[in-house]
Amino acid sequence: MGRPSVSGAMLRDLLLCERKVALDAHGGDARRDPVSPFVRMLWRDGLAHEDAILGRLRGSVVDLRGDDRDLRERETSRAMAAGAPTILGAVIRSGDKIGMPDLLTASGAGHVAFDVKSGAALESATGRYKREYLVQVAHYARILGEIGAGPADTCGIVDRTGAAVTYDLSIPLGRNLGTGGDLHASLLTRAREVLDGAGDTAPALSARCGMCEWRSHCRAELAATDDLTLIPGLGRAIRAPISSIADTVAGLAAADPAQLRALPGVGVDRLRRFAERARLLADPSAGPVARAPLKIPAAEHEVDFDVEADPMRGIVYLHGFWHERESAEPGFVYFFAETPDERGERRAFAQAIGHFRQHRDAQWFHYSAYERTAYRDLQRRHPEVCDAAEIEAIFASERCTDLYATVAAQTDWPLSSYGIKAIAKACGFAWEDKDPGGAASIEWYDRHVAGEAGLRERIVAYNRDDVRAGARVRAALRELEATGHIAGFQRPAA
């Protein structure tokens, strides 16, 4: 059996994690984790979105999506040769490269390839091409150019709104980054090396690992090799320069702080902070450490809040609030979007804003910047509910505290993640659900919308635990500042 063909999806995976490509090619299915329900939901919803977008096309359309791959490849060649205006489900090939663009459209220079995506085609912060999308469609453009069927530097994305955004592979992606064509060429070379088994690939711990079928296998590898990416904040991109002075957590822990110097992409202060975190991870008796006064605000009435969102539908559907008062029992209040649409989102948002107004004298807490971003976006979508100034007042530093910002900037923990789940569990909190997680709750909501009974209660219970976990972390941080330790802290089992 020969080497697999290089596909656009393979190049996207390589951009994100080359270890996944190596394991897909050489790892064997027995070591894979089961595909999570959330990932299956993404696949299903992605296909449904693709069908909805492509189903709107009018005019002369050659639709090959129901055929087998060999027939699709033959019919694609015939349709392109005949100048078909629109081809769906195409298969194109050149040498060891195969491409399966969702859509080919005729242009004056031949056919141009597009993929349909449920996200935005451009990065929101920079307005640049989304690189994980670009490498896929660049692959199709290069194939079309090589077989003389279309321009080699033009391709595009049909985004979540149905708008077509064209990518020009000849322009630079950013300062010193080369062009989109350069990025494709380098990934193609590396993909061939990985498929041939040449050159080592190494896993790296990241937020994306949770959805990967190789997560258990790679986590065991990372633990066995004492990999540097087990240190929070130390990702794949800066592992290489840091490994020039130490290639394991224990090695970095043993480094003399006075001898540490700035490395490419890593300033000396940041490097010393990583070394401090490494020392905590390497010491089995270590607990959390406060590096500066935490100054967690205290008030007679304190509220932890959290939102749940469905990124596929683009709505925030649940707002949860955990109230603690000196003179009353703690209590949970929530507002749920009764319909999975703009109207339901607006009503729940209005109820949440009313709740903030009702308790404007309380001290508010959340964990991570997501809540601020979500409320700003909600205000822009529903300006009739409140104005932007009110959102900024809610999150003003004198009345609202992001506990994650405190954790990340002013503390260090002997943990590989500073997320709410890792921190709260280490501080003794336990979620009621056996499978807690934001991805799981999105999948539950999808099934709830489809009519499955009992899931609304599960979603609400999960959100209640999230805000209670925030309260537990808040109490633990105060204990750490007051006593120098957290009595209930327990490191996770290896």
Protein backbone atom coordinates (compact mmCIF):
# COMPACT_ATOMS: atom_id res chain seq x y z
CA MET A 1 0.00 0.00 0.00
CA GLY A 2 1.45 3.36 -1.05
CA ARG A 3 1.70 6.55 0.89
CA PRO A 4 -1.64 8.31 1.42
CA SER A 5 -2.38 11.32 -0.74
CA VAL A 6 -1.92 14.71 0.86
CA SER A 7 -5.28 16.39 1.40
CA GLY A 8 -6.27 19.89 2.37
CA ALA A 9 -7.69 18.64 5.68
CA MET A 10 -4.35 17.00 6.42
CA LEU A 11 -2.54 20.32 5.93
CA ARG A 12 -5.01 22.05 8.26
CA ASP A 13 -4.34 19.40 10.91
CA LEU A 14 -0.59 19.75 10.36
CA LEU A 15 -0.80 23.49 10.92
CA LEU A 16 -2.56 22.93 14.25
CA CYS A 17 -0.74 19.78 15.46
CA GLU A 18 1.70 17.76 13.40
CA ARG A 19 1.54 14.92 15.94
CA LYS A 20 -2.09 14.28 14.97
CA VAL A 21 -1.11 13.85 11.32
CA ALA A 22 1.62 11.37 12.28
CA LEU A 23 -0.73 9.36 14.50
CA ASP A 24 -3.48 9.39 11.89
CA ALA A 25 -1.00 7.93 9.40
CA HIS A 26 0.94 5.53 11.62
CA GLY A 27 -0.77 5.26 15.02
CA GLY A 28 -3.36 2.56 14.39
CA ASP A 29 -7.02 2.83 15.35
CA ALA A 30 -6.72 0.83 18.59
CA ARG A 31 -5.08 3.75 20.39
CA ARG A 32 -7.71 6.32 19.45
CA ASP A 33 -10.24 7.67 21.92
CA PRO A 34 -13.89 7.46 20.90
CA VAL A 35 -15.10 10.50 18.99
CA SER A 36 -16.84 12.75 21.49
CA PRO A 37 -20.55 13.59 21.11
CA PHE A 38 -19.57 17.24 20.78
CA VAL A 39 -17.29 16.55 17.81
CA ARG A 40 -19.99 14.42 16.19
CA MET A 41 -22.38 17.33 16.66
CA LEU A 42 -19.89 19.68 14.97
CA TRP A 43 -19.59 17.31 12.03
CA ARG A 44 -23.35 16.98 11.74
CA ASP A 45 -24.04 20.70 12.08
CA GLY A 46 -21.20 21.53 9.70
CA LEU A 47 -22.70 19.28 7.04
CA ALA A 48 -26.15 20.74 7.64
CA HIS A 49 -24.76 24.27 7.28
CA GLU A 50 -22.92 23.28 4.12
CA ASP A 51 -26.09 21.75 2.65
CA ALA A 52 -28.09 24.86 3.54
CA ILE A 53 -25.57 27.22 1.90
CA LEU A 54 -25.08 25.12 -1.22
CA GLY A 55 -28.82 24.50 -1.50
CA ARG A 56 -29.35 28.23 -2.14
CA LEU A 57 -27.32 28.15 -5.35
CA ARG A 58 -29.28 28.77 -8.52
CA GLY A 59 -28.58 28.24 -12.17
CA SER A 60 -26.67 25.42 -13.80
CA VAL A 61 -25.21 23.29 -11.01
CA VAL A 62 -23.35 19.99 -11.35
CA ASP A 63 -23.91 18.22 -8.01
CA LEU A 64 -21.59 15.25 -7.42
CA ARG A 65 -22.02 14.98 -3.65
CA GLY A 66 -23.95 11.71 -3.70
CA ASP A 67 -21.45 9.81 -5.86
CA ASP A 68 -18.43 7.73 -4.80
CA ARG A 69 -15.02 9.37 -4.87
CA ASP A 70 -13.71 7.80 -8.10
CA LEU A 71 -16.85 8.78 -10.01
CA ARG A 72 -16.72 12.29 -8.53
CA GLU A 73 -13.14 12.68 -9.75
CA ARG A 74 -13.99 11.60 -13.28
CA GLU A 75 -17.13 13.75 -13.43
CA THR A 76 -15.29 16.75 -12.01
CA SER A 77 -12.81 16.60 -14.89
CA ARG A 78 -15.64 16.38 -17.42
CA ALA A 79 -17.59 19.23 -15.83
CA MET A 80 -14.57 21.53 -15.70
CA ALA A 81 -13.68 20.73 -19.30
CA ALA A 82 -17.25 21.59 -20.28
CA GLY A 83 -17.02 24.91 -18.43
CA ALA A 84 -19.74 24.10 -15.89
CA PRO A 85 -20.53 27.31 -13.96
CA THR A 86 -20.87 25.57 -10.58
CA ILE A 87 -19.63 22.17 -9.38
CA LEU A 88 -20.48 20.77 -5.94
CA GLY A 89 -18.62 17.90 -4.28
CA ALA A 90 -15.67 18.02 -6.68
CA VAL A 91 -12.61 15.79 -6.42
CA ILE A 92 -9.38 17.05 -7.99
CA ARG A 93 -5.94 15.49 -8.05
CA SER A 94 -2.35 16.27 -9.06
CA GLY A 95 0.42 13.81 -8.29
CA ASP A 96 0.27 12.90 -4.60
CA LYS A 97 -2.16 15.74 -3.83
CA ILE A 98 -5.92 15.31 -3.58
CA GLY A 99 -8.50 18.02 -3.01
CA MET A 100 -12.20 17.90 -2.27
CA PRO A 101 -13.48 21.48 -2.38
CA ASP A 102 -17.10 22.03 -1.47
CA LEU A 103 -17.60 24.31 -4.43
CA LEU A 104 -15.94 25.11 -7.76
CA THR A 105 -17.09 28.23 -9.61
CA ALA A 106 -16.17 29.14 -13.17
CA SER A 107 -14.16 32.31 -13.79
CA GLY A 108 -12.40 33.84 -16.75
CA ALA A 109 -9.20 32.03 -15.75
CA GLY A 110 -10.81 28.65 -15.09
CA HIS A 111 -12.43 27.29 -11.93
CA VAL A 112 -11.90 28.72 -8.44
CA ALA A 113 -12.24 26.51 -5.34
CA PHE A 114 -14.23 27.45 -2.24
CA ASP A 115 -14.95 25.69 1.04
CA VAL A 116 -18.08 26.36 3.07
CA LYS A 117 -17.35 27.16 6.74
CA SER A 118 -19.58 27.89 9.70
CA GLY A 119 -17.12 30.50 11.02
CA ALA A 120 -15.89 33.86 9.80
CA ALA A 121 -13.44 33.85 6.89
CA LEU A 122 -11.22 36.49 8.50
CA GLU A 123 -9.65 36.77 11.94
CA SER A 124 -11.78 39.15 13.99
CA ALA A 125 -8.81 40.84 15.68
CA THR A 126 -6.65 41.46 12.60
CA GLY A 127 -8.89 41.09 9.55
CA ARG A 128 -6.35 38.66 8.08
CA TYR A 129 -7.12 35.37 6.40
CA LYS A 130 -7.88 32.55 8.81
CA ARG A 131 -4.80 30.39 8.35
CA GLU A 132 -6.43 27.03 9.12
CA TYR A 133 -8.98 27.75 6.39
CA LEU A 134 -6.40 29.18 4.02
CA VAL A 135 -4.16 26.11 3.93
CA GLN A 136 -7.09 23.92 2.86
CA VAL A 137 -8.30 26.07 0.00
CA ALA A 138 -4.73 26.94 -1.02
CA HIS A 139 -4.23 23.22 -1.57
CA TYR A 140 -7.15 23.15 -4.00
CA ALA A 141 -5.89 26.25 -5.84
CA ARG A 142 -2.43 24.75 -6.28
CA ILE A 143 -3.93 21.54 -7.69
CA LEU A 144 -6.12 23.48 -10.11
CA GLY A 145 -3.10 25.51 -11.21
CA GLU A 146 -0.98 22.42 -11.78
CA ILE A 147 -3.61 20.70 -13.93
CA GLY A 148 -4.34 23.89 -15.86
CA ALA A 149 -7.92 24.12 -14.64
CA GLY A 150 -7.82 27.37 -12.66
CA PRO A 151 -5.70 30.12 -11.10
CA ALA A 152 -3.10 28.82 -8.65
CA ASP A 153 -3.22 31.89 -6.39
CA THR A 154 -6.97 32.40 -6.00
CA CYS A 155 -9.36 30.50 -3.74
CA GLY A 156 -11.86 31.35 -1.07
CA ILE A 157 -14.26 30.68 1.77
CA VAL A 158 -18.04 30.87 1.87
CA ASP A 159 -18.51 32.01 5.45
CA ARG A 160 -21.25 31.45 8.02
CA THR A 161 -23.42 34.17 6.45
CA GLY A 162 -23.16 32.68 2.96
CA ALA A 163 -20.83 35.45 1.73
CA ALA A 164 -17.92 34.45 -0.51
CA VAL A 165 -14.54 35.81 0.64
CA THR A 166 -11.65 35.44 -1.81
CA TYR A 167 -8.13 34.65 -0.61
CA ASP A 168 -5.15 35.86 -2.65
CA LEU A 169 -2.24 33.46 -2.04
CA SER A 170 0.32 35.87 -3.45
CA ILE A 171 0.04 38.49 -0.70
CA PRO A 172 1.96 38.37 2.62
CA LEU A 173 0.11 36.98 5.64
CA GLY A 174 1.87 39.44 7.96
CA ARG A 175 5.26 40.79 8.82
CA ASN A 176 7.98 38.21 8.05
CA LEU A 177 5.39 35.47 7.53
CA GLY A 178 5.57 35.01 3.77
CA THR A 179 2.57 34.53 1.51
CA GLY A 180 -0.28 32.07 1.70
CA GLY A 181 1.42 30.16 -1.11
CA ASP A 182 4.63 29.99 0.92
CA LEU A 183 2.75 28.61 3.92
CA HIS A 184 1.10 25.94 1.77
CA ALA A 185 4.43 24.92 0.22
CA SER A 186 6.16 24.51 3.58
CA LEU A 187 3.27 22.49 5.02
CA LEU A 188 3.15 20.29 1.93
CA THR A 189 6.85 19.47 2.32
CA ARG A 190 6.38 18.68 6.00
CA ALA A 191 3.29 16.55 5.33
CA ARG A 192 5.28 14.38 2.93
CA GLU A 193 8.01 13.95 5.56
CA VAL A 194 5.49 12.95 8.22
CA LEU A 195 3.72 10.50 5.92
CA ASP A 196 7.10 8.95 5.06
CA GLY A 197 7.90 8.60 8.76
CA ALA A 198 10.84 11.00 8.45
CA GLY A 199 11.57 13.40 11.29
CA ASP A 200 10.15 13.30 14.79
CA THR A 201 6.80 14.77 15.72
CA ALA A 202 5.94 15.65 19.29
CA PRO A 203 2.62 16.26 21.00
CA ALA A 204 1.96 19.57 22.73
CA LEU A 205 -0.69 20.27 25.33
CA SER A 206 -3.23 22.86 24.16
CA ALA A 207 -6.89 23.77 24.45
CA ARG A 208 -7.56 21.88 21.20
CA CYS A 209 -6.51 18.56 22.73
CA GLY A 210 -9.87 18.05 24.41
CA MET A 211 -11.61 17.36 21.09
CA CYS A 212 -8.91 15.15 19.55
CA GLU A 213 -9.18 11.36 19.26
CA TRP A 214 -5.53 11.05 20.32
CA ARG A 215 -5.89 13.07 23.56
CA SER A 216 -5.34 10.15 25.97
CA HIS A 217 -2.41 8.79 23.98
CA CYS A 218 -0.72 12.19 23.71
CA ARG A 219 -1.35 13.10 27.33
CA ALA A 220 0.42 9.89 28.36
CA GLU A 221 3.32 10.79 26.05
CA LEU A 222 3.54 14.28 27.49
CA ALA A 223 3.60 12.97 31.05
CA ALA A 224 6.19 10.29 30.20
CA THR A 225 8.51 12.81 28.56
CA ASP A 226 7.86 15.54 31.16
CA ASP A 227 7.11 17.85 28.25
CA LEU A 228 7.49 21.60 28.65
CA THR A 229 3.94 22.27 27.40
CA LEU A 230 2.65 20.82 30.67
CA ILE A 231 3.56 24.26 32.06
CA PRO A 232 0.51 26.57 31.73
CA GLY A 233 0.99 29.21 29.07
CA LEU A 234 3.96 27.46 27.47
CA GLY A 235 2.71 26.31 24.09
CA ARG A 236 4.19 24.64 21.05
CA ALA A 237 5.36 27.91 19.48
CA ILE A 238 7.78 28.81 22.28
CA ARG A 239 8.74 25.28 23.32
CA ALA A 240 11.52 25.17 20.72
CA PRO A 241 13.47 28.22 21.95
CA ILE A 242 13.02 27.24 25.61
CA SER A 243 14.18 23.69 24.91
CA SER A 244 17.58 25.14 24.02
CA ILE A 245 18.17 25.58 27.76
CA ALA A 246 15.92 22.80 29.11
CA ASP A 247 13.73 20.27 27.32
CA THR A 248 11.71 18.98 30.29
CA VAL A 249 9.72 20.47 33.16
CA ALA A 250 12.30 19.09 35.61
CA GLY A 251 15.14 20.57 33.59
CA LEU A 252 13.59 24.03 33.56
CA ALA A 253 12.79 23.70 37.26
CA ALA A 254 16.46 23.07 37.97
CA ALA A 255 17.66 26.10 35.98
CA ASP A 256 19.30 28.89 37.95
CA PRO A 257 16.96 31.90 37.66
CA ALA A 258 19.92 34.27 37.71
CA GLN A 259 21.36 32.56 34.63
CA LEU A 260 18.17 32.76 32.54
CA ARG A 261 18.33 35.16 29.62
CA ALA A 262 15.84 36.30 27.01
CA LEU A 263 15.23 33.87 24.14
CA PRO A 264 13.67 34.49 20.71
CA GLY A 265 10.01 35.23 21.39
CA VAL A 266 10.39 34.83 25.18
CA GLY A 267 11.43 37.73 27.41
CA VAL A 268 13.48 37.05 30.51
CA ASP A 269 10.65 37.87 32.95
CA ARG A 270 8.31 35.49 31.16
CA LEU A 271 10.97 32.79 31.06
CA ARG A 272 11.59 33.12 34.79
CA ARG A 273 7.84 32.84 35.42
CA PHE A 274 7.77 29.59 33.43
CA ALA A 275 10.71 28.35 35.51
CA GLU A 276 8.80 29.15 38.71
CA ARG A 277 5.78 27.22 37.45
CA ALA A 278 8.06 24.35 36.47
CA ARG A 279 9.46 24.21 40.01
CA LEU A 280 5.94 23.90 41.43
CA LEU A 281 5.06 21.11 38.97
CA ALA A 282 8.31 19.27 39.73
CA ASP A 283 7.84 19.44 43.52
CA PRO A 284 5.22 16.88 44.66
CA SER A 285 4.77 18.73 47.96
CA ALA A 286 4.18 22.16 46.40
CA GLY A 287 0.91 24.02 46.60
CA PRO A 288 -0.37 27.27 45.07
CA VAL A 289 1.68 30.42 45.58
CA ALA A 290 0.56 34.06 45.59
CA ARG A 291 3.17 36.19 43.83
CA ALA A 292 1.57 39.52 44.76
CA PRO A 293 -1.29 40.80 46.98
CA LEU A 294 -4.49 39.41 45.47
CA LYS A 295 -6.88 42.01 46.89
CA ILE A 296 -10.06 40.07 46.14
CA PRO A 297 -12.87 42.56 46.87
CA ALA A 298 -15.23 41.65 49.71
CA ALA A 299 -18.82 42.76 50.19
CA GLU A 300 -21.93 41.84 52.15
CA HIS A 301 -23.52 40.66 48.87
CA GLU A 302 -21.36 38.81 46.32
CA VAL A 303 -22.48 37.30 43.01
CA ASP A 304 -20.66 34.86 40.73
CA PHE A 305 -22.04 34.75 37.19
CA ASP A 306 -21.49 32.73 34.02
CA VAL A 307 -23.09 32.42 30.58
CA GLU A 308 -23.60 29.47 28.25
CA ALA A 309 -23.52 29.97 24.48
CA ASP A 310 -24.18 27.94 21.36
CA PRO A 311 -21.55 28.96 18.79
CA MET A 312 -23.29 27.04 16.01
CA ARG A 313 -26.51 29.03 16.38
CA GLY A 314 -24.62 32.14 17.43
CA ILE A 315 -26.67 32.76 20.58
CA VAL A 316 -26.17 33.07 24.33
CA TYR A 317 -28.92 30.93 25.82
CA LEU A 318 -28.29 30.87 29.58
CA HIS A 319 -27.24 33.38 32.25
CA GLY A 320 -26.53 31.98 35.72
CA PHE A 321 -26.01 33.86 39.01
CA TRP A 322 -24.86 32.48 42.38
CA HIS A 323 -25.71 34.85 45.23
CA GLU A 324 -23.94 34.81 48.60
CA ARG A 325 -25.01 37.17 51.40
CA GLU A 326 -23.81 37.40 54.98
CA SER A 327 -27.41 37.36 56.22
CA ALA A 328 -28.97 34.69 53.99
CA GLU A 329 -28.47 31.26 52.49
CA PRO A 330 -26.71 31.14 49.11
CA GLY A 331 -29.01 30.96 46.11
CA PHE A 332 -28.97 30.35 42.36
CA VAL A 333 -30.90 32.41 39.79
CA TYR A 334 -30.87 31.80 36.05
CA PHE A 335 -32.45 33.05 32.84
CA PHE A 336 -32.87 30.60 29.94
CA ALA A 337 -33.65 31.43 26.31
CA GLU A 338 -36.97 29.68 25.82
CA THR A 339 -36.52 29.64 22.05
CA PRO A 340 -33.16 28.95 20.32
CA ASP A 341 -33.22 32.13 18.26
CA GLU A 342 -32.71 35.88 18.38
CA ARG A 343 -36.01 36.47 20.18
CA GLY A 344 -35.22 33.94 22.90
CA GLU A 345 -31.69 35.30 23.31
CA ARG A 346 -32.95 38.88 23.60
CA ARG A 347 -35.50 38.02 26.27
CA ALA A 348 -32.97 36.12 28.41
CA PHE A 349 -30.43 38.95 27.96
CA ALA A 350 -33.02 41.52 29.04
CA GLN A 351 -33.82 39.45 32.13
CA ALA A 352 -30.12 39.21 32.98
CA ILE A 353 -29.61 42.96 32.59
CA GLY A 354 -32.63 43.51 34.82
CA HIS A 355 -30.97 41.26 37.39
CA PHE A 356 -27.78 43.30 37.29
CA ARG A 357 -29.84 46.47 37.77
CA GLN A 358 -31.77 44.95 40.67
CA HIS A 359 -28.53 44.09 42.48
CA ARG A 360 -26.35 46.98 41.34
CA ASP A 361 -24.81 47.32 44.82
CA ALA A 362 -23.47 43.73 44.84
CA GLN A 363 -19.85 42.77 44.12
CA TRP A 364 -19.68 40.69 40.94
CA PHE A 365 -17.25 37.91 39.97
CA HIS A 366 -16.67 35.84 36.83
CA TYR A 367 -13.91 33.54 35.57
CA SER A 368 -12.23 34.54 32.27
CA ALA A 369 -12.77 37.42 29.86
CA TYR A 370 -15.49 35.53 27.99
CA GLU A 371 -18.37 37.02 29.96
CA ARG A 372 -17.34 40.60 29.20
CA THR A 373 -16.98 39.76 25.50
CA ALA A 374 -20.32 37.93 25.45
CA TYR A 375 -22.19 40.82 27.06
CA ARG A 376 -20.61 43.37 24.75
CA ASP A 377 -21.67 41.26 21.75
CA LEU A 378 -25.18 40.83 23.20
CA GLN A 379 -25.52 44.59 23.60
CA ARG A 380 -24.49 45.15 19.98
CA ARG A 381 -27.06 42.59 18.82
CA HIS A 382 -29.82 43.90 21.09
CA PRO A 383 -29.20 47.65 21.65
CA GLU A 384 -32.82 48.12 22.72
CA VAL A 385 -32.07 46.17 25.93
CA CYS A 386 -29.31 48.49 27.19
CA ASP A 387 -26.57 50.75 25.91
CA ALA A 388 -22.85 50.05 25.72
CA ALA A 389 -22.13 52.29 28.69
CA GLU A 390 -24.23 50.06 30.94
CA ILE A 391 -22.21 47.00 29.96
CA GLU A 392 -18.98 48.82 30.71
CA ALA A 393 -20.40 49.89 34.08
CA ILE A 394 -21.28 46.28 34.93
CA PHE A 395 -17.69 45.21 34.29
CA ALA A 396 -16.03 48.24 35.87
CA SER A 397 -13.11 47.10 38.01
CA GLU A 398 -14.52 48.60 41.20
CA ARG A 399 -17.62 46.40 41.07
CA CYS A 400 -16.60 43.35 39.00
CA THR A 401 -13.58 41.02 39.21
CA ASP A 402 -12.28 38.53 36.66
CA LEU A 403 -10.90 35.80 38.93
CA TYR A 404 -8.98 34.18 36.08
CA ALA A 405 -7.04 37.42 35.52
CA THR A 406 -6.03 37.32 39.19
CA VAL A 407 -5.07 33.64 38.99
CA ALA A 408 -3.03 34.06 35.81
CA ALA A 409 -1.22 37.27 36.76
CA GLN A 410 -0.69 36.94 40.49
CA THR A 411 -0.55 33.25 41.38
CA ASP A 412 1.21 30.04 40.34
CA TRP A 413 -0.19 26.53 40.81
CA PRO A 414 1.26 23.00 40.48
CA LEU A 415 -1.26 22.30 37.70
CA SER A 416 -1.07 22.03 33.91
CA SER A 417 -4.18 24.16 33.42
CA TYR A 418 -5.48 27.29 35.10
CA GLY A 419 -9.00 26.81 33.77
CA ILE A 420 -11.94 26.89 36.16
CA LYS A 421 -12.33 23.09 36.09
CA ALA A 422 -8.72 22.40 37.04
CA ILE A 423 -8.46 25.11 39.70
CA ALA A 424 -11.82 24.44 41.35
CA LYS A 425 -11.36 20.65 41.43
CA ALA A 426 -7.92 21.05 43.01
CA CYS A 427 -9.56 23.30 45.62
CA GLY A 428 -12.04 20.56 46.52
CA PHE A 429 -15.04 21.38 44.33
CA ALA A 430 -16.85 18.59 42.48
CA TRP A 431 -19.30 18.99 39.60
CA GLU A 432 -22.46 16.93 39.95
CA ASP A 433 -22.38 15.87 36.29
CA LYS A 434 -20.02 13.03 35.45
CA ASP A 435 -19.08 14.75 32.16
CA PRO A 436 -18.85 18.47 32.90
CA GLY A 437 -17.51 20.83 30.30
CA GLY A 438 -18.47 23.69 28.03
CA ALA A 439 -18.29 21.49 24.92
CA ALA A 440 -20.55 18.89 26.53
CA SER A 441 -23.12 21.52 27.51
CA ILE A 442 -23.26 22.81 23.91
CA GLU A 443 -24.00 19.28 22.72
CA TRP A 444 -26.67 18.86 25.42
CA TYR A 445 -28.27 22.12 24.29
CA ASP A 446 -28.30 20.92 20.69
CA ARG A 447 -30.16 17.79 21.77
CA HIS A 448 -32.47 19.86 23.99
CA VAL A 449 -33.42 22.02 20.99
CA ALA A 450 -34.11 18.81 19.04
CA GLY A 451 -36.66 17.85 21.72
CA GLU A 452 -34.78 15.41 23.96
CA ALA A 453 -36.33 15.45 27.42
CA GLY A 454 -34.44 16.18 30.62
CA LEU A 455 -31.52 18.06 29.12
CA ARG A 456 -32.64 21.54 30.10
CA GLU A 457 -32.33 20.51 33.76
CA ARG A 458 -28.89 19.04 33.12
CA ILE A 459 -27.69 22.23 31.39
CA VAL A 460 -28.99 24.43 34.20
CA ALA A 461 -27.41 22.17 36.85
CA TYR A 462 -24.08 22.37 35.01
CA ASN A 463 -24.26 26.16 34.91
CA ARG A 464 -25.14 26.24 38.61
CA ASP A 465 -22.05 24.19 39.36
CA ASP A 466 -19.93 26.52 37.23
CA VAL A 467 -20.92 29.59 39.25
CA ARG A 468 -20.58 27.68 42.53
CA ALA A 469 -17.10 26.64 41.38
CA GLY A 470 -16.29 30.31 40.85
CA ALA A 471 -17.36 31.01 44.43
CA ARG A 472 -15.12 28.17 45.66
CA VAL A 473 -12.12 29.58 43.78
CA ARG A 474 -12.86 33.04 45.16
CA ALA A 475 -12.84 31.67 48.72
CA ALA A 476 -9.65 29.70 48.02
CA LEU A 477 -7.85 32.79 46.73
CA ARG A 478 -8.77 34.69 49.87
CA GLU A 479 -7.51 31.79 51.97
CA LEU A 480 -4.25 31.70 49.98
CA GLU A 481 -3.68 35.41 50.55
CA ALA A 482 -4.54 35.24 54.26
CA THR A 483 -2.66 32.07 55.22
CA GLY A 484 -0.20 31.32 52.41
CA HIS A 485 -1.88 28.00 51.57
CA ILE A 486 -5.23 26.38 50.71
CA ALA A 487 -6.17 23.73 53.26
CA GLY A 488 -8.31 21.68 50.86
CA PHE A 489 -5.91 21.84 47.92
CA GLN A 490 -5.13 18.50 46.31
CA ARG A 491 -3.09 17.89 43.19
CA PRO A 492 -4.74 15.72 40.54
CA ALA A 493 -3.63 12.10 40.29
CA ALA A 494 -0.82 11.56 37.80
